[in-house]
Amino acid sequence: MMEQKSFLSKLWEGSLRDWLLHFVADLVKTLCILASLYIFWEAIALLRFRGYPDGLCKKLEYTDFAFMWAALCVTSGNFVLKLVVGTWRKKS
């Protein structure tokens, strides 16, 4: 006798599991990037509190801003590229 699988188990074995794994991986990467940028920002605030020269703190803030934009662009590009590759593979 053939055992019938539920709708959710069929969905999990199919595309939902792959999608969820990719989503969790992207979420972890994004959270790690945001956490590192936040730690860098807090380090700048600590240096400013400890009396680090204001001009050098400004340079660090500009560096943090550039890293933030670069991280945003790379993370977004990675996400879009994954979507395009996934769609391309489904068509083929």
C-alpha atoms as a PDB file:
ATOM      1  CA  MET A   1       0.000   0.000   0.000  1.00  0.00           C
ATOM      2  CA  MET A   2       1.324   3.427  -0.990  1.00  0.00           C
ATOM      3  CA  GLU A   3       1.708   5.928   1.809  1.00  0.00           C
ATOM      4  CA  GLN A   4       0.369   9.372   0.967  1.00  0.00           C
ATOM      5  CA  LYS A   5       2.290  12.365   2.161  1.00  0.00           C
ATOM      6  CA  SER A   6       0.630  15.489   3.458  1.00  0.00           C
ATOM      7  CA  PHE A   7       0.709  18.739   1.544  1.00  0.00           C
ATOM      8  CA  LEU A   8       3.182  20.315   3.957  1.00  0.00           C
ATOM      9  CA  SER A   9       5.591  17.383   3.787  1.00  0.00           C
ATOM     10  CA  LYS A  10       5.502  17.514  -0.019  1.00  0.00           C
ATOM     11  CA  LEU A  11       6.100  21.254   0.085  1.00  0.00           C
ATOM     12  CA  TRP A  12       8.946  20.847   2.618  1.00  0.00           C
ATOM     13  CA  GLU A  13      10.681  18.189   0.511  1.00  0.00           C
ATOM     14  CA  GLY A  14      10.310  20.354  -2.559  1.00  0.00           C
ATOM     15  CA  SER A  15      11.014  24.041  -2.781  1.00  0.00           C
ATOM     16  CA  LEU A  16      10.205  25.229   0.732  1.00  0.00           C
ATOM     17  CA  ARG A  17      13.223  23.566   2.356  1.00  0.00           C
ATOM     18  CA  ASP A  18      15.662  25.022  -0.187  1.00  0.00           C
ATOM     19  CA  TRP A  19      14.061  28.454   0.072  1.00  0.00           C
ATOM     20  CA  LEU A  20      14.161  28.406   3.864  1.00  0.00           C
ATOM     21  CA  LEU A  21      17.819  27.353   3.921  1.00  0.00           C
ATOM     22  CA  HIS A  22      18.752  30.177   1.537  1.00  0.00           C
ATOM     23  CA  PHE A  23      16.661  32.635   3.540  1.00  0.00           C
ATOM     24  CA  VAL A  24      18.297  31.659   6.831  1.00  0.00           C
ATOM     25  CA  ALA A  25      21.781  31.874   5.279  1.00  0.00           C
ATOM     26  CA  ASP A  26      21.039  35.359   3.906  1.00  0.00           C
ATOM     27  CA  LEU A  27      19.550  36.424   7.229  1.00  0.00           C
ATOM     28  CA  VAL A  28      22.613  35.275   9.168  1.00  0.00           C
ATOM     29  CA  LYS A  29      24.977  37.037   6.739  1.00  0.00           C
ATOM     30  CA  THR A  30      22.976  40.256   6.933  1.00  0.00           C
ATOM     31  CA  LEU A  31      22.793  40.171  10.734  1.00  0.00           C
ATOM     32  CA  CYS A  32      26.545  39.558  10.983  1.00  0.00           C
ATOM     33  CA  ILE A  33      27.255  42.519   8.710  1.00  0.00           C
ATOM     34  CA  LEU A  34      24.891  44.758  10.685  1.00  0.00           C
ATOM     35  CA  ALA A  35      26.379  43.619  13.998  1.00  0.00           C
ATOM     36  CA  SER A  36      29.926  44.323  12.823  1.00  0.00           C
ATOM     37  CA  LEU A  37      28.925  47.787  11.582  1.00  0.00           C
ATOM     38  CA  TYR A  38      27.221  48.486  14.905  1.00  0.00           C
ATOM     39  CA  ILE A  39      30.303  47.368  16.852  1.00  0.00           C
ATOM     40  CA  PHE A  40      32.464  49.617  14.662  1.00  0.00           C
ATOM     41  CA  TRP A  41      30.099  52.542  15.314  1.00  0.00           C
ATOM     42  CA  GLU A  42      30.208  51.884  19.055  1.00  0.00           C
ATOM     43  CA  ALA A  43      34.014  51.720  18.931  1.00  0.00           C
ATOM     44  CA  ILE A  44      34.029  55.160  17.315  1.00  0.00           C
ATOM     45  CA  ALA A  45      31.743  56.474  20.064  1.00  0.00           C
ATOM     46  CA  LEU A  46      34.041  54.971  22.716  1.00  0.00           C
ATOM     47  CA  LEU A  47      37.078  56.586  21.106  1.00  0.00           C
ATOM     48  CA  ARG A  48      35.280  59.938  21.022  1.00  0.00           C
ATOM     49  CA  PHE A  49      34.309  59.511  24.692  1.00  0.00           C
ATOM     50  CA  ARG A  50      37.935  58.711  25.584  1.00  0.00           C
ATOM     51  CA  GLY A  51      39.151  61.945  23.998  1.00  0.00           C
ATOM     52  CA  TYR A  52      40.303  60.737  20.570  1.00  0.00           C
ATOM     53  CA  PRO A  53      40.844  63.746  18.267  1.00  0.00           C
ATOM     54  CA  ASP A  54      37.629  64.897  16.600  1.00  0.00           C
ATOM     55  CA  GLY A  55      39.114  65.020  13.102  1.00  0.00           C
ATOM     56  CA  LEU A  56      40.178  61.381  13.278  1.00  0.00           C
ATOM     57  CA  CYS A  57      36.762  60.383  14.657  1.00  0.00           C
ATOM     58  CA  LYS A  58      35.143  62.097  11.669  1.00  0.00           C
ATOM     59  CA  LYS A  59      37.370  60.084   9.319  1.00  0.00           C
ATOM     60  CA  LEU A  60      36.315  56.889  11.086  1.00  0.00           C
ATOM     61  CA  GLU A  61      32.653  57.912  10.778  1.00  0.00           C
ATOM     62  CA  TYR A  62      33.095  58.483   7.034  1.00  0.00           C
ATOM     63  CA  THR A  63      34.785  55.084   6.788  1.00  0.00           C
ATOM     64  CA  ASP A  64      31.885  53.480   8.654  1.00  0.00           C
ATOM     65  CA  PHE A  65      29.438  55.190   6.302  1.00  0.00           C
ATOM     66  CA  ALA A  66      31.348  53.896   3.261  1.00  0.00           C
ATOM     67  CA  PHE A  67      31.452  50.365   4.719  1.00  0.00           C
ATOM     68  CA  MET A  68      27.721  50.571   5.417  1.00  0.00           C
ATOM     69  CA  TRP A  69      26.919  51.506   1.815  1.00  0.00           C
ATOM     70  CA  ALA A  70      29.300  48.883   0.438  1.00  0.00           C
ATOM     71  CA  ALA A  71      27.751  46.217   2.672  1.00  0.00           C
ATOM     72  CA  LEU A  72      24.264  47.281   1.609  1.00  0.00           C
ATOM     73  CA  CYS A  73      25.181  47.118  -2.079  1.00  0.00           C
ATOM     74  CA  VAL A  74      26.973  43.772  -1.796  1.00  0.00           C
ATOM     75  CA  THR A  75      24.206  42.180   0.278  1.00  0.00           C
ATOM     76  CA  SER A  76      21.504  43.456  -2.084  1.00  0.00           C
ATOM     77  CA  GLY A  77      23.461  42.371  -5.150  1.00  0.00           C
ATOM     78  CA  ASN A  78      24.023  38.936  -3.661  1.00  0.00           C
ATOM     79  CA  PHE A  79      20.309  38.569  -2.928  1.00  0.00           C
ATOM     80  CA  VAL A  80      19.272  39.658  -6.429  1.00  0.00           C
ATOM     81  CA  LEU A  81      21.907  37.414  -8.027  1.00  0.00           C
ATOM     82  CA  LYS A  82      20.644  34.429  -6.033  1.00  0.00           C
ATOM     83  CA  LEU A  83      17.095  35.149  -7.190  1.00  0.00           C
ATOM     84  CA  VAL A  84      18.165  35.437 -10.828  1.00  0.00           C
ATOM     85  CA  VAL A  85      20.224  32.228 -10.704  1.00  0.00           C
ATOM     86  CA  GLY A  86      17.406  30.378  -8.942  1.00  0.00           C
ATOM     87  CA  THR A  87      14.870  31.554 -11.531  1.00  0.00           C
ATOM     88  CA  TRP A  88      17.235  30.681 -14.387  1.00  0.00           C
ATOM     89  CA  ARG A  89      17.744  27.150 -13.038  1.00  0.00           C
ATOM     90  CA  LYS A  90      13.993  26.629 -12.641  1.00  0.00           C
ATOM     91  CA  LYS A  91      13.421  27.588 -16.292  1.00  0.00           C
ATOM     92  CA  SER A  92      16.054  25.180 -17.562  1.00  0.00           C
END
